[in-house]
Amino acid sequence: MNTHIIPTPHEIDAVIFDRIAAEAARVPDDTSLDELGSSAALDSAGEFRGYGFGHTPAEARAGAWITAWWPECDLRVVPRVVPEGWTFDIYSPGEGPVFRRTTPRA
């Protein structure tokens, strides 16, 4: 589902904080991607820029925004304001482009 709902600065900050804290604490993440919703970030020209996962659509949108910038930059300098015109496709857990099979089943 394509939506014009964009991640807020607070949502982006929360996801960045959680990622930095988990990395610093070396907390293993054994969550299956099948359990998480996902989002694809599309810029104002409709080009794919990032993909994110989360327990909520807001977390997934923020994650997609963050991956549009990271790993090219430190998480702390990821912009907190999404420009006008960006859209975020939202997918239910276990769905979305990342789950499409690219090879036939044997």
PDB file of N, CA and C in Angstrom:
ATOM      1  N   MET A   1       0.848  -1.166   0.000  1.00  0.00           N
ATOM      2  CA  MET A   1       0.000   0.000   0.000  1.00  0.00           C
ATOM      3  C   MET A   1       0.900   1.238   0.000  1.00  0.00           C
ATOM      4  N   ASN A   2       0.690   2.140  -0.933  1.00  0.00           N
ATOM      5  CA  ASN A   2       1.459   3.371  -1.012  1.00  0.00           C
ATOM      6  C   ASN A   2       0.774   4.409  -0.141  1.00  0.00           C
ATOM      7  N   THR A   3       1.559   5.100   0.652  1.00  0.00           N
ATOM      8  CA  THR A   3       0.975   6.088   1.551  1.00  0.00           C
ATOM      9  C   THR A   3       1.817   7.359   1.568  1.00  0.00           C
ATOM     10  N   HIS A   4       1.154   8.459   1.758  1.00  0.00           N
ATOM     11  CA  HIS A   4       1.856   9.735   1.880  1.00  0.00           C
ATOM     12  C   HIS A   4       2.206  10.036   3.333  1.00  0.00           C
ATOM     13  N   ILE A   5       1.907   9.089   4.213  1.00  0.00           N
ATOM     14  CA  ILE A   5       2.302   9.242   5.609  1.00  0.00           C
ATOM     15  C   ILE A   5       3.812   9.032   5.665  1.00  0.00           C
ATOM     16  N   ILE A   6       4.499  10.005   6.198  1.00  0.00           N
ATOM     17  CA  ILE A   6       5.957   9.937   6.279  1.00  0.00           C
ATOM     18  C   ILE A   6       6.376   9.803   7.739  1.00  0.00           C
ATOM     19  N   PRO A   7       7.559   9.254   7.966  1.00  0.00           N
ATOM     20  CA  PRO A   7       8.013   9.159   9.357  1.00  0.00           C
ATOM     21  C   PRO A   7       8.289  10.545   9.930  1.00  0.00           C
ATOM     22  N   THR A   8       7.911  10.726  11.172  1.00  0.00           N
ATOM     23  CA  THR A   8       8.134  11.995  11.850  1.00  0.00           C
ATOM     24  C   THR A   8       9.570  12.046  12.374  1.00  0.00           C
ATOM     25  N   PRO A   9      10.073  13.239  12.673  1.00  0.00           N
ATOM     26  CA  PRO A   9      11.399  13.323  13.285  1.00  0.00           C
ATOM     27  C   PRO A   9      11.507  12.485  14.566  1.00  0.00           C
ATOM     28  N   HIS A  10      10.438  12.464  15.360  1.00  0.00           N
ATOM     29  CA  HIS A  10      10.448  11.670  16.595  1.00  0.00           C
ATOM     30  C   HIS A  10      10.572  10.174  16.283  1.00  0.00           C
ATOM     31  N   GLU A  11       9.830   9.688  15.276  1.00  0.00           N
ATOM     32  CA  GLU A  11       9.901   8.268  14.911  1.00  0.00           C
ATOM     33  C   GLU A  11      11.292   7.898  14.391  1.00  0.00           C
ATOM     34  N   ILE A  12      11.878   8.779  13.585  1.00  0.00           N
ATOM     35  CA  ILE A  12      13.227   8.548  13.068  1.00  0.00           C
ATOM     36  C   ILE A  12      14.226   8.507  14.219  1.00  0.00           C
ATOM     37  N   ASP A  13      14.135   9.477  15.130  1.00  0.00           N
ATOM     38  CA  ASP A  13      15.020   9.502  16.303  1.00  0.00           C
ATOM     39  C   ASP A  13      14.898   8.228  17.127  1.00  0.00           C
ATOM     40  N   ALA A  14      13.663   7.769  17.334  1.00  0.00           N
ATOM     41  CA  ALA A  14      13.442   6.578  18.167  1.00  0.00           C
ATOM     42  C   ALA A  14      14.105   5.349  17.554  1.00  0.00           C
ATOM     43  N   VAL A  15      13.971   5.168  16.247  1.00  0.00           N
ATOM     44  CA  VAL A  15      14.571   4.001  15.591  1.00  0.00           C
ATOM     45  C   VAL A  15      16.095   4.112  15.616  1.00  0.00           C
ATOM     46  N   ILE A  16      16.622   5.295  15.357  1.00  0.00           N
ATOM     47  CA  ILE A  16      18.078   5.489  15.413  1.00  0.00           C
ATOM     48  C   ILE A  16      18.592   5.219  16.822  1.00  0.00           C
ATOM     49  N   PHE A  17      17.928   5.751  17.830  1.00  0.00           N
ATOM     50  CA  PHE A  17      18.339   5.522  19.214  1.00  0.00           C
ATOM     51  C   PHE A  17      18.357   4.029  19.531  1.00  0.00           C
ATOM     52  N   ASP A  18      17.292   3.316  19.141  1.00  0.00           N
ATOM     53  CA  ASP A  18      17.223   1.880  19.413  1.00  0.00           C
ATOM     54  C   ASP A  18      18.353   1.121  18.720  1.00  0.00           C
ATOM     55  N   ARG A  19      18.666   1.491  17.486  1.00  0.00           N
ATOM     56  CA  ARG A  19      19.747   0.805  16.756  1.00  0.00           C
ATOM     57  C   ARG A  19      21.106   1.066  17.398  1.00  0.00           C
ATOM     58  N   ILE A  20      21.351   2.314  17.763  1.00  0.00           N
ATOM     59  CA  ILE A  20      22.637   2.645  18.396  1.00  0.00           C
ATOM     60  C   ILE A  20      22.759   1.940  19.744  1.00  0.00           C
ATOM     61  N   ALA A  21      21.688   1.954  20.544  1.00  0.00           N
ATOM     62  CA  ALA A  21      21.715   1.316  21.861  1.00  0.00           C
ATOM     63  C   ALA A  21      21.901  -0.193  21.738  1.00  0.00           C
ATOM     64  N   ALA A  22      21.212  -0.823  20.797  1.00  0.00           N
ATOM     65  CA  ALA A  22      21.339  -2.276  20.621  1.00  0.00           C
ATOM     66  C   ALA A  22      22.741  -2.651  20.166  1.00  0.00           C
ATOM     67  N   GLU A  23      23.306  -1.843  19.280  1.00  0.00           N
ATOM     68  CA  GLU A  23      24.665  -2.120  18.811  1.00  0.00           C
ATOM     69  C   GLU A  23      25.678  -1.941  19.940  1.00  0.00           C
ATOM     70  N   ALA A  24      25.526  -0.880  20.720  1.00  0.00           N
ATOM     71  CA  ALA A  24      26.454  -0.625  21.819  1.00  0.00           C
ATOM     72  C   ALA A  24      26.387  -1.730  22.873  1.00  0.00           C
ATOM     73  N   ALA A  25      25.188  -2.224  23.124  1.00  0.00           N
ATOM     74  CA  ALA A  25      25.004  -3.273  24.123  1.00  0.00           C
ATOM     75  C   ALA A  25      25.253  -4.666  23.542  1.00  0.00           C
ATOM     76  N   ARG A  26      25.484  -4.711  22.228  1.00  0.00           N
ATOM     77  CA  ARG A  26      25.698  -5.988  21.522  1.00  0.00           C
ATOM     78  C   ARG A  26      24.538  -6.949  21.764  1.00  0.00           C
ATOM     79  N   VAL A  27      23.328  -6.401  21.651  1.00  0.00           N
ATOM     80  CA  VAL A  27      22.123  -7.199  21.834  1.00  0.00           C
ATOM     81  C   VAL A  27      21.837  -7.951  20.536  1.00  0.00           C
ATOM     82  N   PRO A  28      21.818  -9.287  20.591  1.00  0.00           N
ATOM     83  CA  PRO A  28      21.524 -10.030  19.362  1.00  0.00           C
ATOM     84  C   PRO A  28      20.067  -9.853  18.962  1.00  0.00           C
ATOM     85  N   ASP A  29      19.833  -9.738  17.679  1.00  0.00           N
ATOM     86  CA  ASP A  29      18.465  -9.603  17.173  1.00  0.00           C
ATOM     87  C   ASP A  29      18.124 -10.874  16.419  1.00  0.00           C
ATOM     88  N   ASP A  30      17.336 -11.737  17.055  1.00  0.00           N
ATOM     89  CA  ASP A  30      16.958 -12.973  16.400  1.00  0.00           C
ATOM     90  C   ASP A  30      15.498 -12.943  15.950  1.00  0.00           C
ATOM     91  N   THR A  31      14.975 -11.729  15.723  1.00  0.00           N
ATOM     92  CA  THR A  31      13.628 -11.569  15.203  1.00  0.00           C
ATOM     93  C   THR A  31      13.615 -12.012  13.746  1.00  0.00           C
ATOM     94  N   SER A  32      12.649 -12.807  13.387  1.00  0.00           N
ATOM     95  CA  SER A  32      12.499 -13.236  11.997  1.00  0.00           C
ATOM     96  C   SER A  32      11.879 -12.092  11.194  1.00  0.00           C
ATOM     97  N   LEU A  33      12.394 -11.859   9.997  1.00  0.00           N
ATOM     98  CA  LEU A  33      11.818 -10.815   9.150  1.00  0.00           C
ATOM     99  C   LEU A  33      10.361 -11.110   8.823  1.00  0.00           C
ATOM    100  N   ASP A  34       9.978 -12.378   8.850  1.00  0.00           N
ATOM    101  CA  ASP A  34       8.581 -12.746   8.599  1.00  0.00           C
ATOM    102  C   ASP A  34       7.639 -12.180   9.658  1.00  0.00           C
ATOM    103  N   GLU A  35       8.177 -11.814  10.827  1.00  0.00           N
ATOM    104  CA  GLU A  35       7.364 -11.286  11.919  1.00  0.00           C
ATOM    105  C   GLU A  35       7.182  -9.774  11.839  1.00  0.00           C
ATOM    106  N   LEU A  36       7.955  -9.119  10.963  1.00  0.00           N
ATOM    107  CA  LEU A  36       7.964  -7.657  10.916  1.00  0.00           C
ATOM    108  C   LEU A  36       7.265  -7.126   9.670  1.00  0.00           C
ATOM    109  N   GLY A  37       6.615  -5.982   9.834  1.00  0.00           N
ATOM    110  CA  GLY A  37       6.104  -5.270   8.666  1.00  0.00           C
ATOM    111  C   GLY A  37       7.271  -4.613   7.968  1.00  0.00           C
ATOM    112  N   SER A  38       7.065  -4.193   6.733  1.00  0.00           N
ATOM    113  CA  SER A  38       8.155  -3.567   5.994  1.00  0.00           C
ATOM    114  C   SER A  38       7.653  -2.361   5.220  1.00  0.00           C
ATOM    115  N   SER A  39       8.608  -1.560   4.776  1.00  0.00           N
ATOM    116  CA  SER A  39       8.292  -0.347   4.030  1.00  0.00           C
ATOM    117  C   SER A  39       9.397  -0.085   3.016  1.00  0.00           C
ATOM    118  N   ALA A  40       8.992   0.403   1.857  1.00  0.00           N
ATOM    119  CA  ALA A  40       9.939   0.845   0.832  1.00  0.00           C
ATOM    120  C   ALA A  40       9.811   2.358   0.709  1.00  0.00           C
ATOM    121  N   ALA A  41      10.945   3.058   0.769  1.00  0.00           N
ATOM    122  CA  ALA A  41      10.968   4.520   0.635  1.00  0.00           C
ATOM    123  C   ALA A  41      11.195   4.875  -0.821  1.00  0.00           C
ATOM    124  N   LEU A  42      10.336   5.740  -1.340  1.00  0.00           N
ATOM    125  CA  LEU A  42      10.439   6.207  -2.719  1.00  0.00           C
ATOM    126  C   LEU A  42      10.603   7.723  -2.707  1.00  0.00           C
ATOM    127  N   ASP A  43      11.609   8.221  -3.429  1.00  0.00           N
ATOM    128  CA  ASP A  43      11.833   9.663  -3.441  1.00  0.00           C
ATOM    129  C   ASP A  43      10.768  10.364  -4.286  1.00  0.00           C
ATOM    130  N   SER A  44      10.869  11.671  -4.409  1.00  0.00           N
ATOM    131  CA  SER A  44       9.838  12.456  -5.100  1.00  0.00           C
ATOM    132  C   SER A  44       9.734  12.116  -6.584  1.00  0.00           C
ATOM    133  N   ALA A  45      10.757  11.466  -7.143  1.00  0.00           N
ATOM    134  CA  ALA A  45      10.710  11.022  -8.543  1.00  0.00           C
ATOM    135  C   ALA A  45      10.166   9.600  -8.655  1.00  0.00           C
ATOM    136  N   GLY A  46       9.826   8.992  -7.520  1.00  0.00           N
ATOM    137  CA  GLY A  46       9.298   7.633  -7.513  1.00  0.00           C
ATOM    138  C   GLY A  46      10.358   6.551  -7.549  1.00  0.00           C
ATOM    139  N   GLU A  47      11.622   6.945  -7.328  1.00  0.00           N
ATOM    140  CA  GLU A  47      12.725   5.987  -7.331  1.00  0.00           C
ATOM    141  C   GLU A  47      12.898   5.358  -5.950  1.00  0.00           C
ATOM    142  N   PHE A  48      13.143   4.051  -5.937  1.00  0.00           N
ATOM    143  CA  PHE A  48      13.382   3.338  -4.693  1.00  0.00           C
ATOM    144  C   PHE A  48      14.654   3.858  -4.045  1.00  0.00           C
ATOM    145  N   ARG A  49      14.596   4.150  -2.736  1.00  0.00           N
ATOM    146  CA  ARG A  49      15.768   4.666  -2.020  1.00  0.00           C
ATOM    147  C   ARG A  49      16.146   3.850  -0.792  1.00  0.00           C
ATOM    148  N   GLY A  50      15.201   3.128  -0.184  1.00  0.00           N
ATOM    149  CA  GLY A  50      15.538   2.377   1.011  1.00  0.00           C
ATOM    150  C   GLY A  50      14.425   1.436   1.417  1.00  0.00           C
ATOM    151  N   TYR A  51      14.783   0.437   2.213  1.00  0.00           N
ATOM    152  CA  TYR A  51      13.834  -0.562   2.674  1.00  0.00           C
ATOM    153  C   TYR A  51      13.993  -0.710   4.175  1.00  0.00           C
ATOM    154  N   GLY A  52      12.886  -0.790   4.896  1.00  0.00           N
ATOM    155  CA  GLY A  52      12.964  -0.907   6.344  1.00  0.00           C
ATOM    156  C   GLY A  52      11.978  -1.903   6.903  1.00  0.00           C
ATOM    157  N   PHE A  53      12.263  -2.364   8.114  1.00  0.00           N
ATOM    158  CA  PHE A  53      11.405  -3.318   8.823  1.00  0.00           C
ATOM    159  C   PHE A  53      11.050  -2.751  10.186  1.00  0.00           C
ATOM    160  N   GLY A  54       9.924  -3.189  10.731  1.00  0.00           N
ATOM    161  CA  GLY A  54       9.548  -2.749  12.059  1.00  0.00           C
ATOM    162  C   GLY A  54       8.352  -3.498  12.599  1.00  0.00           C
ATOM    163  N   HIS A  55       8.171  -3.389  13.908  1.00  0.00           N
ATOM    164  CA  HIS A  55       7.013  -4.002  14.553  1.00  0.00           C
ATOM    165  C   HIS A  55       5.742  -3.213  14.244  1.00  0.00           C
ATOM    166  N   THR A  56       5.901  -1.956  13.871  1.00  0.00           N
ATOM    167  CA  THR A  56       4.765  -1.110  13.506  1.00  0.00           C
ATOM    168  C   THR A  56       5.052  -0.483  12.141  1.00  0.00           C
ATOM    169  N   PRO A  57       4.017  -0.011  11.443  1.00  0.00           N
ATOM    170  CA  PRO A  57       4.259   0.690  10.175  1.00  0.00           C
ATOM    171  C   PRO A  57       5.163   1.914  10.361  1.00  0.00           C
ATOM    172  N   ALA A  58       5.024   2.613  11.491  1.00  0.00           N
ATOM    173  CA  ALA A  58       5.865   3.797  11.743  1.00  0.00           C
ATOM    174  C   ALA A  58       7.336   3.397  11.842  1.00  0.00           C
ATOM    175  N   GLU A  59       7.642   2.311  12.549  1.00  0.00           N
ATOM    176  CA  GLU A  59       9.027   1.836  12.640  1.00  0.00           C
ATOM    177  C   GLU A  59       9.560   1.427  11.273  1.00  0.00           C
ATOM    178  N   ALA A  60       8.727   0.762  10.477  1.00  0.00           N
ATOM    179  CA  ALA A  60       9.154   0.322   9.146  1.00  0.00           C
ATOM    180  C   ALA A  60       9.442   1.525   8.242  1.00  0.00           C
ATOM    181  N   ARG A  61       8.572   2.546   8.291  1.00  0.00           N
ATOM    182  CA  ARG A  61       8.801   3.762   7.481  1.00  0.00           C
ATOM    183  C   ARG A  61      10.083   4.462   7.915  1.00  0.00           C
ATOM    184  N   ALA A  62      10.287   4.593   9.225  1.00  0.00           N
ATOM    185  CA  ALA A  62      11.514   5.236   9.717  1.00  0.00           C
ATOM    186  C   ALA A  62      12.731   4.428   9.300  1.00  0.00           C
ATOM    187  N   GLY A  63      12.636   3.109   9.377  1.00  0.00           N
ATOM    188  CA  GLY A  63      13.746   2.262   8.961  1.00  0.00           C
ATOM    189  C   GLY A  63      14.062   2.420   7.480  1.00  0.00           C
ATOM    190  N   ALA A  64      13.043   2.530   6.656  1.00  0.00           N
ATOM    191  CA  ALA A  64      13.258   2.730   5.218  1.00  0.00           C
ATOM    192  C   ALA A  64      13.945   4.071   4.966  1.00  0.00           C
ATOM    193  N   TRP A  65      13.533   5.105   5.682  1.00  0.00           N
ATOM    194  CA  TRP A  65      14.166   6.418   5.545  1.00  0.00           C
ATOM    195  C   TRP A  65      15.635   6.354   5.953  1.00  0.00           C
ATOM    196  N   ILE A  66      15.908   5.684   7.053  1.00  0.00           N
ATOM    197  CA  ILE A  66      17.278   5.584   7.551  1.00  0.00           C
ATOM    198  C   ILE A  66      18.163   4.848   6.551  1.00  0.00           C
ATOM    199  N   THR A  67      17.662   3.750   5.969  1.00  0.00           N
ATOM    200  CA  THR A  67      18.496   2.994   5.035  1.00  0.00           C
ATOM    201  C   THR A  67      18.736   3.743   3.733  1.00  0.00           C
ATOM    202  N   ALA A  68      17.946   4.765   3.459  1.00  0.00           N
ATOM    203  CA  ALA A  68      18.225   5.604   2.283  1.00  0.00           C
ATOM    204  C   ALA A  68      19.528   6.375   2.474  1.00  0.00           C
ATOM    205  N   TRP A  69      19.950   6.575   3.706  1.00  0.00           N
ATOM    206  CA  TRP A  69      21.156   7.354   4.026  1.00  0.00           C
ATOM    207  C   TRP A  69      22.296   6.512   4.557  1.00  0.00           C
ATOM    208  N   TRP A  70      21.986   5.422   5.176  1.00  0.00           N
ATOM    209  CA  TRP A  70      22.956   4.617   5.888  1.00  0.00           C
ATOM    210  C   TRP A  70      23.234   3.367   5.084  1.00  0.00           C
ATOM    211  N   PRO A  71      24.418   2.847   4.918  1.00  0.00           N
ATOM    212  CA  PRO A  71      25.592   3.059   5.740  1.00  0.00           C
ATOM    213  C   PRO A  71      26.532   4.162   5.252  1.00  0.00           C
ATOM    214  N   GLU A  72      26.124   4.935   4.249  1.00  0.00           N
ATOM    215  CA  GLU A  72      26.998   6.001   3.751  1.00  0.00           C
ATOM    216  C   GLU A  72      27.308   7.060   4.787  1.00  0.00           C
ATOM    217  N   CYS A  73      26.467   7.189   5.805  1.00  0.00           N
ATOM    218  CA  CYS A  73      26.742   8.184   6.842  1.00  0.00           C
ATOM    219  C   CYS A  73      26.462   7.576   8.211  1.00  0.00           C
ATOM    220  N   ASP A  74      27.006   8.206   9.224  1.00  0.00           N
ATOM    221  CA  ASP A  74      26.768   7.804  10.604  1.00  0.00           C
ATOM    222  C   ASP A  74      25.273   7.969  10.909  1.00  0.00           C
ATOM    223  N   LEU A  75      24.726   7.043  11.662  1.00  0.00           N
ATOM    224  CA  LEU A  75      23.304   7.130  11.999  1.00  0.00           C
ATOM    225  C   LEU A  75      22.935   8.462  12.636  1.00  0.00           C
ATOM    226  N   ARG A  76      23.854   9.052  13.379  1.00  0.00           N
ATOM    227  CA  ARG A  76      23.547  10.302  14.080  1.00  0.00           C
ATOM    228  C   ARG A  76      23.320  11.474  13.130  1.00  0.00           C
ATOM    229  N   VAL A  77      23.787  11.368  11.877  1.00  0.00           N
ATOM    230  CA  VAL A  77      23.621  12.490  10.942  1.00  0.00           C
ATOM    231  C   VAL A  77      22.551  12.229   9.883  1.00  0.00           C
ATOM    232  N   VAL A  78      21.790  11.161  10.040  1.00  0.00           N
ATOM    233  CA  VAL A  78      20.669  10.921   9.131  1.00  0.00           C
ATOM    234  C   VAL A  78      19.686  12.088   9.287  1.00  0.00           C
ATOM    235  N   PRO A  79      19.248  12.702   8.180  1.00  0.00           N
ATOM    236  CA  PRO A  79      18.292  13.808   8.300  1.00  0.00           C
ATOM    237  C   PRO A  79      17.013  13.358   9.008  1.00  0.00           C
ATOM    238  N   ARG A  80      16.495  14.231   9.846  1.00  0.00           N
ATOM    239  CA  ARG A  80      15.284  13.906  10.609  1.00  0.00           C
ATOM    240  C   ARG A  80      14.005  14.384   9.927  1.00  0.00           C
ATOM    241  N   VAL A  81      14.123  15.138   8.860  1.00  0.00           N
ATOM    242  CA  VAL A  81      12.949  15.648   8.157  1.00  0.00           C
ATOM    243  C   VAL A  81      12.921  15.054   6.756  1.00  0.00           C
ATOM    244  N   VAL A  82      11.826  14.394   6.426  1.00  0.00           N
ATOM    245  CA  VAL A  82      11.642  13.790   5.106  1.00  0.00           C
ATOM    246  C   VAL A  82      11.131  14.875   4.158  1.00  0.00           C
ATOM    247  N   PRO A  83      11.788  15.039   2.994  1.00  0.00           N
ATOM    248  CA  PRO A  83      11.347  16.076   2.054  1.00  0.00           C
ATOM    249  C   PRO A  83       9.950  15.801   1.490  1.00  0.00           C
ATOM    250  N   GLU A  84       9.305  16.849   1.082  1.00  0.00           N
ATOM    251  CA  GLU A  84       7.990  16.740   0.464  1.00  0.00           C
ATOM    252  C   GLU A  84       8.087  15.883  -0.797  1.00  0.00           C
ATOM    253  N   GLY A  85       7.076  15.082  -1.018  1.00  0.00           N
ATOM    254  CA  GLY A  85       7.012  14.271  -2.222  1.00  0.00           C
ATOM    255  C   GLY A  85       7.452  12.830  -2.042  1.00  0.00           C
ATOM    256  N   TRP A  86       8.128  12.535  -0.945  1.00  0.00           N
ATOM    257  CA  TRP A  86       8.527  11.150  -0.697  1.00  0.00           C
ATOM    258  C   TRP A  86       7.295  10.340  -0.301  1.00  0.00           C
ATOM    259  N   THR A  87       7.279   9.062  -0.681  1.00  0.00           N
ATOM    260  CA  THR A  87       6.191   8.169  -0.286  1.00  0.00           C
ATOM    261  C   THR A  87       6.799   6.893   0.276  1.00  0.00           C
ATOM    262  N   PHE A  88       5.989   6.173   1.024  1.00  0.00           N
ATOM    263  CA  PHE A  88       6.445   4.955   1.691  1.00  0.00           C
ATOM    264  C   PHE A  88       5.416   3.861   1.470  1.00  0.00           C
ATOM    265  N   ASP A  89       5.823   2.817   0.730  1.00  0.00           N
ATOM    266  CA  ASP A  89       4.969   1.653   0.550  1.00  0.00           C
ATOM    267  C   ASP A  89       5.046   0.826   1.828  1.00  0.00           C
ATOM    268  N   ILE A  90       3.898   0.384   2.307  1.00  0.00           N
ATOM    269  CA  ILE A  90       3.816  -0.395   3.541  1.00  0.00           C
ATOM    270  C   ILE A  90       3.357  -1.804   3.198  1.00  0.00           C
ATOM    271  N   TYR A  91       4.011  -2.795   3.805  1.00  0.00           N
ATOM    272  CA  TYR A  91       3.675  -4.194   3.575  1.00  0.00           C
ATOM    273  C   TYR A  91       3.464  -4.904   4.903  1.00  0.00           C
ATOM    274  N   SER A  92       2.512  -5.823   4.918  1.00  0.00           N
ATOM    275  CA  SER A  92       2.249  -6.642   6.100  1.00  0.00           C
ATOM    276  C   SER A  92       3.409  -7.607   6.325  1.00  0.00           C
ATOM    277  N   PRO A  93       3.538  -8.140   7.541  1.00  0.00           N
ATOM    278  CA  PRO A  93       4.602  -9.115   7.793  1.00  0.00           C
ATOM    279  C   PRO A  93       4.584 -10.254   6.782  1.00  0.00           C
ATOM    280  N   GLY A  94       5.777 -10.598   6.282  1.00  0.00           N
ATOM    281  CA  GLY A  94       5.916 -11.692   5.328  1.00  0.00           C
ATOM    282  C   GLY A  94       5.558 -11.343   3.897  1.00  0.00           C
ATOM    283  N   GLU A  95       5.197 -10.084   3.632  1.00  0.00           N
ATOM    284  CA  GLU A  95       4.844  -9.655   2.286  1.00  0.00           C
ATOM    285  C   GLU A  95       5.825  -8.586   1.816  1.00  0.00           C
ATOM    286  N   GLY A  96       5.674  -8.142   0.604  1.00  0.00           N
ATOM    287  CA  GLY A  96       6.519  -7.086   0.068  1.00  0.00           C
ATOM    288  C   GLY A  96       7.582  -7.620  -0.862  1.00  0.00           C
ATOM    289  N   PRO A  97       8.247  -6.727  -1.576  1.00  0.00           N
ATOM    290  CA  PRO A  97       9.232  -7.139  -2.589  1.00  0.00           C
ATOM    291  C   PRO A  97      10.365  -7.990  -2.060  1.00  0.00           C
ATOM    292  N   VAL A  98      10.791  -7.749  -0.833  1.00  0.00           N
ATOM    293  CA  VAL A  98      11.913  -8.512  -0.293  1.00  0.00           C
ATOM    294  C   VAL A  98      11.549  -9.988  -0.099  1.00  0.00           C
ATOM    295  N   PHE A  99      10.266 -10.298  -0.044  1.00  0.00           N
ATOM    296  CA  PHE A  99       9.833 -11.672   0.165  1.00  0.00           C
ATOM    297  C   PHE A  99       9.445 -12.380  -1.128  1.00  0.00           C
ATOM    298  N   ARG A 100       9.533 -11.684  -2.261  1.00  0.00           N
ATOM    299  CA  ARG A 100       9.210 -12.316  -3.537  1.00  0.00           C
ATOM    300  C   ARG A 100      10.328 -13.268  -3.937  1.00  0.00           C
ATOM    301  N   ARG A 101       9.938 -14.418  -4.341  1.00  0.00           N
ATOM    302  CA  ARG A 101      10.889 -15.444  -4.748  1.00  0.00           C
ATOM    303  C   ARG A 101      11.457 -15.089  -6.115  1.00  0.00           C
ATOM    304  N   THR A 102      12.764 -15.128  -6.255  1.00  0.00           N
ATOM    305  CA  THR A 102      13.403 -14.774  -7.532  1.00  0.00           C
ATOM    306  C   THR A 102      13.821 -16.008  -8.332  1.00  0.00           C
ATOM    307  N   THR A 103      13.770 -17.162  -7.702  1.00  0.00           N
ATOM    308  CA  THR A 103      14.098 -18.405  -8.395  1.00  0.00           C
ATOM    309  C   THR A 103      12.948 -19.391  -8.217  1.00  0.00           C
ATOM    310  N   PRO A 104      12.749 -20.247  -9.192  1.00  0.00           N
ATOM    311  CA  PRO A 104      11.662 -21.231  -9.038  1.00  0.00           C
ATOM    312  C   PRO A 104      11.976 -22.223  -7.924  1.00  0.00           C
ATOM    313  N   ARG A 105      10.938 -22.673  -7.293  1.00  0.00           N
ATOM    314  CA  ARG A 105      11.116 -23.694  -6.247  1.00  0.00           C
ATOM    315  C   ARG A 105      11.483 -25.016  -6.882  1.00  0.00           C
ATOM    316  N   ALA A 106      12.364 -25.722  -6.219  1.00  0.00           N
ATOM    317  CA  ALA A 106      12.833 -27.024  -6.753  1.00  0.00           C
ATOM    318  C   ALA A 106      11.842 -28.114  -6.457  1.00  0.00           C
TER     319      ALA A 106
END
